[in-house]
Amino acid sequence: MNAFEPLFRGDLPTGLHDPRSTPVGRLFAGVLAVLALTFVVQGCKPEIGPEAEIRAVVEALELAAEEGRIGDFCDHLAEDYSDDRGNDLASLRAELFFWQQRGSGFTVTTRIVEVVVSTETEASATVIAGVADGPILSADTRGQIRRYELAFTNDGRRWRVRRVASHDSDVVELLGG
């Protein structure tokens, strides 16, 4: 028995009654409980800043690419997406579909070099990505390592990749050297 239990068993001092014994009292107690829970949950929720959100987008892109989930991958791209190879969103989706149909399983490893948040709606990130047909750094693995300059836009709800420029890179840069 805890210290508050007598209060809830009806062992109240003379003249007092349990407010939860009436319909209005139960409603009031329920509303208070919901409000208290809401404040606790909101107070405990960690504040996620734009840099963390952008890092999460890069990680989600890596996972979606590796698992061949084209729709999930493209959900992280802006409607006006473009890259330095001349792709827009539709042509990139078609290219990804082609690779998926080939049955080419591959491994993706990324390293986020830097994230710069310019404004509330604009940001950029530099990402080194290794894409291979097997485990990265395996002796018989074929693949490539590229440096990606990503431009992000925020539509008020979430960050999406709007523009991509890529350059050749190497394993030293991928490993952070």
N, C-alpha and C. Protein backbone atom coordinates (compact mmCIF):
# COMPACT_ATOMS: atom_id res chain seq x y z
N MET A 1 0.84 -1.16 0.00
CA MET A 1 0.00 0.00 0.00
C MET A 1 0.90 1.24 0.00
N ASN A 2 0.61 2.17 -0.94
CA ASN A 2 1.42 3.38 -0.97
C ASN A 2 0.72 4.49 -0.18
N ALA A 3 1.37 5.63 -0.08
CA ALA A 3 0.88 6.72 0.76
C ALA A 3 -0.43 7.31 0.23
N PHE A 4 -0.69 7.18 -1.06
CA PHE A 4 -1.89 7.78 -1.64
C PHE A 4 -3.07 6.82 -1.70
N GLU A 5 -2.83 5.55 -1.44
CA GLU A 5 -3.89 4.57 -1.59
C GLU A 5 -5.11 4.83 -0.71
N PRO A 6 -4.95 5.27 0.53
CA PRO A 6 -6.16 5.54 1.33
C PRO A 6 -7.06 6.59 0.70
N LEU A 7 -6.48 7.52 -0.03
CA LEU A 7 -7.28 8.55 -0.68
C LEU A 7 -8.18 7.97 -1.76
N PHE A 8 -7.78 6.88 -2.34
CA PHE A 8 -8.54 6.30 -3.45
C PHE A 8 -9.42 5.12 -3.02
N ARG A 9 -9.38 4.75 -1.76
CA ARG A 9 -10.23 3.67 -1.27
C ARG A 9 -11.47 4.21 -0.59
N GLY A 10 -11.61 5.50 -0.50
CA GLY A 10 -12.76 6.07 0.18
C GLY A 10 -12.49 6.43 1.62
N ASP A 11 -11.26 6.22 2.12
CA ASP A 11 -10.91 6.55 3.49
C ASP A 11 -10.57 8.03 3.58
N LEU A 12 -11.53 8.87 3.23
CA LEU A 12 -11.29 10.30 3.24
C LEU A 12 -11.80 10.89 4.54
N PRO A 13 -11.25 12.01 4.94
CA PRO A 13 -11.75 12.66 6.15
C PRO A 13 -13.25 12.98 6.01
N THR A 14 -13.91 13.08 7.12
CA THR A 14 -15.35 13.33 7.14
C THR A 14 -15.68 14.60 6.37
N GLY A 15 -16.75 14.54 5.56
CA GLY A 15 -17.21 15.69 4.81
C GLY A 15 -16.61 15.78 3.42
N LEU A 16 -15.59 14.99 3.12
CA LEU A 16 -14.98 15.01 1.78
C LEU A 16 -15.43 13.77 1.02
N HIS A 17 -15.54 13.89 -0.27
CA HIS A 17 -15.87 12.72 -1.08
C HIS A 17 -14.88 12.64 -2.25
N ASP A 18 -14.79 11.49 -2.82
CA ASP A 18 -13.90 11.26 -3.97
C ASP A 18 -14.49 11.95 -5.18
N PRO A 19 -13.79 12.95 -5.78
CA PRO A 19 -14.35 13.67 -6.92
C PRO A 19 -14.57 12.76 -8.13
N ARG A 20 -13.90 11.61 -8.15
CA ARG A 20 -14.08 10.70 -9.28
C ARG A 20 -15.35 9.89 -9.17
N SER A 21 -16.10 10.06 -8.10
CA SER A 21 -17.31 9.28 -7.91
C SER A 21 -18.50 9.84 -8.68
N THR A 22 -18.35 11.04 -9.24
CA THR A 22 -19.43 11.62 -10.05
C THR A 22 -19.00 11.63 -11.52
N PRO A 23 -19.96 11.62 -12.45
CA PRO A 23 -19.60 11.65 -13.87
C PRO A 23 -18.76 12.87 -14.24
N VAL A 24 -19.10 14.04 -13.70
CA VAL A 24 -18.32 15.25 -13.99
C VAL A 24 -16.91 15.12 -13.42
N GLY A 25 -16.81 14.54 -12.24
CA GLY A 25 -15.50 14.35 -11.62
C GLY A 25 -14.63 13.41 -12.42
N ARG A 26 -15.22 12.33 -12.95
CA ARG A 26 -14.45 11.39 -13.77
C ARG A 26 -14.00 12.05 -15.07
N LEU A 27 -14.90 12.85 -15.67
CA LEU A 27 -14.54 13.56 -16.89
C LEU A 27 -13.41 14.54 -16.63
N PHE A 28 -13.52 15.29 -15.54
CA PHE A 28 -12.48 16.25 -15.18
C PHE A 28 -11.14 15.54 -14.94
N ALA A 29 -11.17 14.42 -14.21
CA ALA A 29 -9.95 13.67 -13.93
C ALA A 29 -9.34 13.13 -15.23
N GLY A 30 -10.20 12.68 -16.16
CA GLY A 30 -9.70 12.17 -17.43
C GLY A 30 -9.05 13.26 -18.26
N VAL A 31 -9.67 14.44 -18.30
CA VAL A 31 -9.10 15.57 -19.04
C VAL A 31 -7.77 15.98 -18.44
N LEU A 32 -7.69 16.04 -17.12
CA LEU A 32 -6.42 16.38 -16.47
C LEU A 32 -5.34 15.36 -16.78
N ALA A 33 -5.71 14.08 -16.78
CA ALA A 33 -4.74 13.03 -17.08
C ALA A 33 -4.21 13.16 -18.51
N VAL A 34 -5.11 13.43 -19.47
CA VAL A 34 -4.68 13.59 -20.86
C VAL A 34 -3.79 14.81 -21.00
N LEU A 35 -4.14 15.93 -20.38
CA LEU A 35 -3.31 17.13 -20.45
C LEU A 35 -1.93 16.88 -19.84
N ALA A 36 -1.90 16.23 -18.68
CA ALA A 36 -0.62 15.95 -18.04
C ALA A 36 0.24 15.05 -18.91
N LEU A 37 -0.35 14.03 -19.51
CA LEU A 37 0.40 13.14 -20.38
C LEU A 37 0.92 13.88 -21.61
N THR A 38 0.09 14.77 -22.17
CA THR A 38 0.52 15.56 -23.33
C THR A 38 1.71 16.42 -22.98
N PHE A 39 1.67 17.10 -21.84
CA PHE A 39 2.79 17.95 -21.45
C PHE A 39 4.05 17.15 -21.18
N VAL A 40 3.91 16.00 -20.58
CA VAL A 40 5.07 15.15 -20.31
C VAL A 40 5.69 14.68 -21.61
N VAL A 41 4.87 14.20 -22.55
CA VAL A 41 5.39 13.70 -23.82
C VAL A 41 6.05 14.81 -24.61
N GLN A 42 5.42 15.98 -24.68
CA GLN A 42 6.01 17.09 -25.42
C GLN A 42 7.28 17.59 -24.75
N GLY A 43 7.32 17.59 -23.46
CA GLY A 43 8.51 18.04 -22.74
C GLY A 43 9.66 17.08 -22.87
N CYS A 44 9.38 15.80 -23.06
CA CYS A 44 10.43 14.80 -23.15
C CYS A 44 10.91 14.58 -24.58
N LYS A 45 10.16 15.07 -25.55
CA LYS A 45 10.52 14.85 -26.94
C LYS A 45 11.76 15.66 -27.28
N PRO A 46 12.81 15.01 -27.75
CA PRO A 46 14.02 15.76 -28.07
C PRO A 46 13.77 16.67 -29.27
N GLU A 47 14.33 17.84 -29.22
CA GLU A 47 14.21 18.79 -30.32
C GLU A 47 15.15 18.34 -31.43
N ILE A 48 14.60 18.14 -32.62
CA ILE A 48 15.40 17.70 -33.75
C ILE A 48 15.62 18.91 -34.64
N GLY A 49 16.86 19.26 -34.84
CA GLY A 49 17.19 20.41 -35.66
C GLY A 49 17.31 20.04 -37.12
N PRO A 50 17.45 21.04 -37.97
CA PRO A 50 17.54 20.81 -39.41
C PRO A 50 18.71 19.92 -39.82
N GLU A 51 19.85 20.07 -39.15
CA GLU A 51 21.00 19.24 -39.51
C GLU A 51 20.71 17.77 -39.25
N ALA A 52 20.11 17.46 -38.12
CA ALA A 52 19.76 16.07 -37.80
C ALA A 52 18.73 15.53 -38.79
N GLU A 53 17.78 16.38 -39.19
CA GLU A 53 16.77 15.95 -40.16
C GLU A 53 17.42 15.63 -41.51
N ILE A 54 18.38 16.46 -41.93
CA ILE A 54 19.07 16.22 -43.21
C ILE A 54 19.90 14.95 -43.14
N ARG A 55 20.58 14.74 -42.03
CA ARG A 55 21.35 13.50 -41.86
C ARG A 55 20.41 12.27 -41.93
N ALA A 56 19.23 12.40 -41.35
CA ALA A 56 18.26 11.30 -41.40
C ALA A 56 17.80 11.05 -42.84
N VAL A 57 17.65 12.10 -43.64
CA VAL A 57 17.27 11.93 -45.05
C VAL A 57 18.37 11.18 -45.79
N VAL A 58 19.62 11.54 -45.57
CA VAL A 58 20.74 10.85 -46.23
C VAL A 58 20.76 9.37 -45.84
N GLU A 59 20.56 9.09 -44.56
CA GLU A 59 20.53 7.69 -44.11
C GLU A 59 19.36 6.94 -44.72
N ALA A 60 18.21 7.59 -44.83
CA ALA A 60 17.03 6.95 -45.44
C ALA A 60 17.26 6.69 -46.92
N LEU A 61 17.92 7.62 -47.60
CA LEU A 61 18.26 7.40 -49.02
C LEU A 61 19.18 6.20 -49.18
N GLU A 62 20.18 6.10 -48.32
CA GLU A 62 21.12 4.98 -48.37
C GLU A 62 20.38 3.66 -48.19
N LEU A 63 19.54 3.58 -47.18
CA LEU A 63 18.80 2.35 -46.90
C LEU A 63 17.84 2.00 -48.03
N ALA A 64 17.10 2.98 -48.53
CA ALA A 64 16.15 2.72 -49.62
C ALA A 64 16.87 2.26 -50.88
N ALA A 65 18.02 2.86 -51.18
CA ALA A 65 18.79 2.46 -52.37
C ALA A 65 19.28 1.03 -52.23
N GLU A 66 19.82 0.71 -51.08
CA GLU A 66 20.37 -0.62 -50.85
C GLU A 66 19.28 -1.70 -50.89
N GLU A 67 18.09 -1.37 -50.38
CA GLU A 67 16.99 -2.33 -50.34
C GLU A 67 16.15 -2.32 -51.61
N GLY A 68 16.48 -1.44 -52.56
CA GLY A 68 15.77 -1.40 -53.83
C GLY A 68 14.37 -0.84 -53.74
N ARG A 69 14.11 0.01 -52.76
CA ARG A 69 12.80 0.62 -52.58
C ARG A 69 12.78 1.96 -53.32
N ILE A 70 12.48 1.91 -54.60
CA ILE A 70 12.54 3.09 -55.46
C ILE A 70 11.57 4.17 -55.00
N GLY A 71 10.35 3.79 -54.66
CA GLY A 71 9.36 4.77 -54.22
C GLY A 71 9.82 5.52 -52.98
N ASP A 72 10.35 4.78 -52.00
CA ASP A 72 10.84 5.41 -50.78
C ASP A 72 12.02 6.32 -51.09
N PHE A 73 12.90 5.88 -51.98
CA PHE A 73 14.05 6.69 -52.38
C PHE A 73 13.57 8.01 -52.99
N CYS A 74 12.66 7.92 -53.94
CA CYS A 74 12.18 9.11 -54.65
C CYS A 74 11.32 10.02 -53.78
N ASP A 75 10.75 9.48 -52.70
CA ASP A 75 9.98 10.32 -51.78
C ASP A 75 10.86 11.38 -51.11
N HIS A 76 12.16 11.15 -51.09
CA HIS A 76 13.10 12.10 -50.47
C HIS A 76 13.65 13.10 -51.48
N LEU A 77 13.14 13.06 -52.70
CA LEU A 77 13.59 13.98 -53.74
C LEU A 77 12.48 14.99 -54.03
N ALA A 78 12.89 16.23 -54.29
CA ALA A 78 11.92 17.29 -54.59
C ALA A 78 11.33 17.07 -55.98
N GLU A 79 10.15 17.62 -56.20
CA GLU A 79 9.49 17.51 -57.50
C GLU A 79 10.34 18.12 -58.62
N ASP A 80 11.11 19.17 -58.29
CA ASP A 80 11.95 19.82 -59.29
C ASP A 80 13.40 19.30 -59.24
N TYR A 81 13.57 18.05 -58.83
CA TYR A 81 14.90 17.43 -58.73
C TYR A 81 15.63 17.49 -60.07
N SER A 82 16.93 17.71 -59.97
CA SER A 82 17.80 17.61 -61.15
C SER A 82 19.20 17.23 -60.68
N ASP A 83 19.96 16.65 -61.59
CA ASP A 83 21.35 16.34 -61.26
C ASP A 83 22.25 16.72 -62.43
N ASP A 84 23.55 16.61 -62.20
CA ASP A 84 24.52 17.05 -63.20
C ASP A 84 24.63 16.08 -64.39
N ARG A 85 23.93 14.97 -64.34
CA ARG A 85 23.90 14.05 -65.49
C ARG A 85 22.68 14.30 -66.36
N GLY A 86 21.89 15.32 -66.02
CA GLY A 86 20.74 15.68 -66.82
C GLY A 86 19.44 15.00 -66.42
N ASN A 87 19.45 14.27 -65.33
CA ASN A 87 18.24 13.59 -64.86
C ASN A 87 17.30 14.56 -64.17
N ASP A 88 16.01 14.35 -64.39
CA ASP A 88 14.99 14.95 -63.54
C ASP A 88 14.41 13.81 -62.72
N LEU A 89 13.38 14.08 -61.95
CA LEU A 89 12.83 13.05 -61.07
C LEU A 89 12.33 11.84 -61.85
N ALA A 90 11.63 12.06 -62.95
CA ALA A 90 11.08 10.95 -63.75
C ALA A 90 12.18 10.10 -64.37
N SER A 91 13.20 10.74 -64.92
CA SER A 91 14.26 9.95 -65.56
C SER A 91 15.11 9.21 -64.53
N LEU A 92 15.31 9.79 -63.37
CA LEU A 92 16.05 9.09 -62.32
C LEU A 92 15.25 7.89 -61.84
N ARG A 93 13.94 8.05 -61.66
CA ARG A 93 13.09 6.93 -61.25
C ARG A 93 13.19 5.80 -62.28
N ALA A 94 13.17 6.13 -63.58
CA ALA A 94 13.28 5.12 -64.63
C ALA A 94 14.64 4.42 -64.58
N GLU A 95 15.70 5.18 -64.33
CA GLU A 95 17.03 4.58 -64.24
C GLU A 95 17.13 3.63 -63.05
N LEU A 96 16.58 4.05 -61.92
CA LEU A 96 16.59 3.18 -60.73
C LEU A 96 15.78 1.92 -60.98
N PHE A 97 14.65 2.06 -61.67
CA PHE A 97 13.82 0.90 -62.00
C PHE A 97 14.60 -0.07 -62.90
N PHE A 98 15.36 0.46 -63.86
CA PHE A 98 16.18 -0.37 -64.75
C PHE A 98 17.18 -1.19 -63.93
N TRP A 99 17.88 -0.53 -63.01
CA TRP A 99 18.86 -1.25 -62.19
C TRP A 99 18.20 -2.29 -61.31
N GLN A 100 17.02 -1.96 -60.80
CA GLN A 100 16.30 -2.92 -59.96
C GLN A 100 15.89 -4.15 -60.77
N GLN A 101 15.43 -3.95 -62.00
CA GLN A 101 14.99 -5.05 -62.85
C GLN A 101 16.14 -5.96 -63.26
N ARG A 102 17.34 -5.41 -63.33
CA ARG A 102 18.52 -6.23 -63.65
C ARG A 102 18.84 -7.19 -62.52
N GLY A 103 18.21 -6.96 -61.38
CA GLY A 103 18.47 -7.84 -60.24
C GLY A 103 19.82 -7.58 -59.62
N SER A 104 20.34 -6.41 -59.86
CA SER A 104 21.66 -6.06 -59.34
C SER A 104 21.56 -5.65 -57.88
N GLY A 105 21.84 -6.59 -57.00
CA GLY A 105 21.91 -6.24 -55.60
C GLY A 105 23.22 -5.51 -55.36
N PHE A 106 23.21 -4.52 -54.50
CA PHE A 106 24.45 -3.81 -54.23
C PHE A 106 24.47 -3.29 -52.81
N THR A 107 25.65 -2.90 -52.40
CA THR A 107 25.89 -2.37 -51.07
C THR A 107 26.17 -0.88 -51.20
N VAL A 108 25.61 -0.10 -50.31
CA VAL A 108 25.86 1.34 -50.30
C VAL A 108 26.45 1.70 -48.93
N THR A 109 27.52 2.45 -48.95
CA THR A 109 28.12 2.97 -47.73
C THR A 109 28.29 4.47 -47.90
N THR A 110 27.81 5.23 -46.94
CA THR A 110 27.93 6.68 -47.05
C THR A 110 28.66 7.25 -45.84
N ARG A 111 29.26 8.40 -46.09
CA ARG A 111 29.85 9.19 -45.00
C ARG A 111 29.46 10.64 -45.26
N ILE A 112 28.79 11.22 -44.30
CA ILE A 112 28.39 12.62 -44.42
C ILE A 112 29.57 13.47 -43.97
N VAL A 113 30.10 14.25 -44.91
CA VAL A 113 31.26 15.08 -44.61
C VAL A 113 30.83 16.35 -43.90
N GLU A 114 29.76 16.96 -44.41
CA GLU A 114 29.35 18.25 -43.86
C GLU A 114 27.89 18.52 -44.21
N VAL A 115 27.21 19.20 -43.31
CA VAL A 115 25.85 19.69 -43.55
C VAL A 115 25.86 21.17 -43.22
N VAL A 116 25.36 21.98 -44.15
CA VAL A 116 25.28 23.43 -43.94
C VAL A 116 23.83 23.86 -44.15
N VAL A 117 23.24 24.42 -43.11
CA VAL A 117 21.87 24.92 -43.20
C VAL A 117 21.97 26.43 -43.44
N SER A 118 21.60 26.86 -44.65
CA SER A 118 21.72 28.27 -45.03
C SER A 118 20.55 29.09 -44.51
N THR A 119 19.34 28.60 -44.73
CA THR A 119 18.12 29.28 -44.28
C THR A 119 17.17 28.21 -43.76
N GLU A 120 15.96 28.63 -43.42
CA GLU A 120 14.97 27.67 -42.94
C GLU A 120 14.51 26.73 -44.05
N THR A 121 14.73 27.14 -45.32
CA THR A 121 14.26 26.32 -46.44
C THR A 121 15.36 25.83 -47.36
N GLU A 122 16.60 26.21 -47.12
CA GLU A 122 17.71 25.82 -47.99
C GLU A 122 18.86 25.25 -47.16
N ALA A 123 19.46 24.17 -47.66
CA ALA A 123 20.61 23.58 -47.00
C ALA A 123 21.41 22.80 -48.03
N SER A 124 22.61 22.41 -47.63
CA SER A 124 23.44 21.59 -48.51
C SER A 124 24.19 20.56 -47.67
N ALA A 125 24.61 19.51 -48.33
CA ALA A 125 25.38 18.47 -47.65
C ALA A 125 26.38 17.89 -48.63
N THR A 126 27.53 17.52 -48.11
CA THR A 126 28.53 16.81 -48.88
C THR A 126 28.57 15.39 -48.36
N VAL A 127 28.38 14.45 -49.27
CA VAL A 127 28.30 13.03 -48.89
C VAL A 127 29.23 12.23 -49.79
N ILE A 128 30.03 11.37 -49.18
CA ILE A 128 30.85 10.43 -49.93
C ILE A 128 30.09 9.10 -49.90
N ALA A 129 29.88 8.52 -51.08
CA ALA A 129 29.12 7.26 -51.15
C ALA A 129 29.90 6.23 -51.96
N GLY A 130 29.97 5.07 -51.40
CA GLY A 130 30.54 3.93 -52.10
C GLY A 130 29.42 2.98 -52.48
N VAL A 131 29.35 2.65 -53.76
CA VAL A 131 28.33 1.73 -54.26
C VAL A 131 29.06 0.56 -54.88
N ALA A 132 28.74 -0.65 -54.44
CA ALA A 132 29.47 -1.83 -54.93
C ALA A 132 28.51 -3.00 -55.10
N ASP A 133 28.95 -3.96 -55.89
CA ASP A 133 28.14 -5.16 -56.12
C ASP A 133 28.36 -6.22 -55.05
N GLY A 134 28.98 -5.86 -53.98
CA GLY A 134 29.24 -6.76 -52.86
C GLY A 134 29.69 -5.93 -51.68
N PRO A 135 30.26 -6.55 -50.67
CA PRO A 135 30.73 -5.79 -49.51
C PRO A 135 31.78 -4.76 -49.92
N ILE A 136 31.63 -3.55 -49.42
CA ILE A 136 32.60 -2.50 -49.72
C ILE A 136 33.97 -2.94 -49.21
N LEU A 137 34.99 -2.65 -49.97
CA LEU A 137 36.39 -2.92 -49.66
C LEU A 137 36.76 -4.40 -49.76
N SER A 138 35.89 -5.22 -50.31
CA SER A 138 36.24 -6.62 -50.55
C SER A 138 37.12 -6.67 -51.79
N ALA A 139 38.04 -7.62 -51.83
CA ALA A 139 39.00 -7.70 -52.93
C ALA A 139 38.33 -7.94 -54.28
N ASP A 140 37.23 -8.69 -54.32
CA ASP A 140 36.60 -9.00 -55.60
C ASP A 140 35.35 -8.16 -55.87
N THR A 141 35.19 -7.06 -55.17
CA THR A 141 34.04 -6.19 -55.35
C THR A 141 34.32 -5.16 -56.43
N ARG A 142 33.34 -4.98 -57.29
CA ARG A 142 33.42 -3.91 -58.28
C ARG A 142 32.47 -2.81 -57.86
N GLY A 143 32.89 -1.58 -58.02
CA GLY A 143 32.01 -0.48 -57.65
C GLY A 143 32.69 0.84 -57.87
N GLN A 144 32.08 1.85 -57.32
CA GLN A 144 32.65 3.17 -57.45
C GLN A 144 32.40 3.98 -56.19
N ILE A 145 33.24 4.97 -56.00
CA ILE A 145 33.10 5.87 -54.87
C ILE A 145 32.99 7.27 -55.44
N ARG A 146 31.96 7.98 -55.02
CA ARG A 146 31.70 9.31 -55.55
C ARG A 146 31.45 10.29 -54.42
N ARG A 147 31.76 11.53 -54.69
CA ARG A 147 31.49 12.64 -53.77
C ARG A 147 30.25 13.35 -54.31
N TYR A 148 29.22 13.47 -53.48
CA TYR A 148 27.97 14.10 -53.89
C TYR A 148 27.78 15.41 -53.14
N GLU A 149 27.48 16.45 -53.89
CA GLU A 149 27.11 17.73 -53.32
C GLU A 149 25.59 17.81 -53.47
N LEU A 150 24.88 17.75 -52.35
CA LEU A 150 23.42 17.72 -52.35
C LEU A 150 22.87 19.08 -51.92
N ALA A 151 21.92 19.60 -52.67
CA ALA A 151 21.20 20.81 -52.29
C ALA A 151 19.81 20.38 -51.82
N PHE A 152 19.44 20.82 -50.63
CA PHE A 152 18.17 20.45 -50.03
C PHE A 152 17.22 21.64 -50.02
N THR A 153 15.94 21.33 -50.05
CA THR A 153 14.89 22.33 -49.88
C THR A 153 13.90 21.79 -48.86
N ASN A 154 13.32 22.71 -48.10
CA ASN A 154 12.33 22.32 -47.10
C ASN A 154 11.01 22.97 -47.48
N ASP A 155 10.00 22.15 -47.66
CA ASP A 155 8.68 22.65 -48.07
C ASP A 155 7.81 23.02 -46.87
N GLY A 156 8.41 23.12 -45.70
CA GLY A 156 7.66 23.44 -44.49
C GLY A 156 7.33 22.21 -43.67
N ARG A 157 7.42 21.04 -44.28
CA ARG A 157 7.14 19.79 -43.57
C ARG A 157 8.38 18.93 -43.45
N ARG A 158 9.20 18.89 -44.51
CA ARG A 158 10.39 18.05 -44.46
C ARG A 158 11.40 18.47 -45.51
N TRP A 159 12.62 17.98 -45.32
CA TRP A 159 13.72 18.28 -46.24
C TRP A 159 13.72 17.27 -47.38
N ARG A 160 13.99 17.76 -48.59
CA ARG A 160 14.11 16.90 -49.77
C ARG A 160 15.31 17.35 -50.60
N VAL A 161 15.88 16.41 -51.33
CA VAL A 161 17.01 16.72 -52.20
C VAL A 161 16.47 17.37 -53.47
N ARG A 162 17.02 18.54 -53.81
CA ARG A 162 16.58 19.24 -55.01
C ARG A 162 17.60 19.14 -56.14
N ARG A 163 18.88 19.16 -55.81
CA ARG A 163 19.92 19.16 -56.84
C ARG A 163 21.08 18.31 -56.36
N VAL A 164 21.70 17.57 -57.31
CA VAL A 164 22.85 16.73 -56.99
C VAL A 164 23.94 16.96 -58.02
N ALA A 165 25.15 17.18 -57.55
CA ALA A 165 26.34 17.22 -58.40
C ALA A 165 27.28 16.17 -57.84
N SER A 166 27.92 15.40 -58.72
CA SER A 166 28.80 14.34 -58.24
C SER A 166 30.16 14.41 -58.91
N HIS A 167 31.15 13.91 -58.19
CA HIS A 167 32.53 13.90 -58.66
C HIS A 167 33.17 12.58 -58.22
N ASP A 168 34.18 12.14 -58.95
CA ASP A 168 34.89 10.95 -58.54
C ASP A 168 35.54 11.17 -57.16
N SER A 169 35.62 10.11 -56.41
CA SER A 169 36.26 10.15 -55.10
C SER A 169 37.06 8.87 -54.93
N ASP A 170 37.55 8.65 -53.73
CA ASP A 170 38.34 7.44 -53.49
C ASP A 170 38.08 6.89 -52.10
N VAL A 171 38.64 5.73 -51.85
CA VAL A 171 38.39 5.02 -50.59
C VAL A 171 38.92 5.81 -49.40
N VAL A 172 39.98 6.57 -49.58
CA VAL A 172 40.54 7.36 -48.49
C VAL A 172 39.51 8.39 -48.02
N GLU A 173 38.88 9.05 -48.97
CA GLU A 173 37.86 10.04 -48.62
C GLU A 173 36.65 9.37 -47.98
N LEU A 174 36.26 8.20 -48.49
CA LEU A 174 35.12 7.48 -47.92
C LEU A 174 35.37 7.10 -46.46
N LEU A 175 36.59 6.74 -46.16
CA LEU A 175 36.93 6.33 -44.80
C LEU A 175 37.27 7.51 -43.89
N GLY A 176 37.23 8.72 -44.45
CA GLY A 176 37.43 9.91 -43.63
C GLY A 176 38.87 10.37 -43.55
N GLY A 177 39.68 9.94 -44.44
CA GLY A 177 41.09 10.33 -44.40
C GLY A 177 41.40 11.60 -45.10
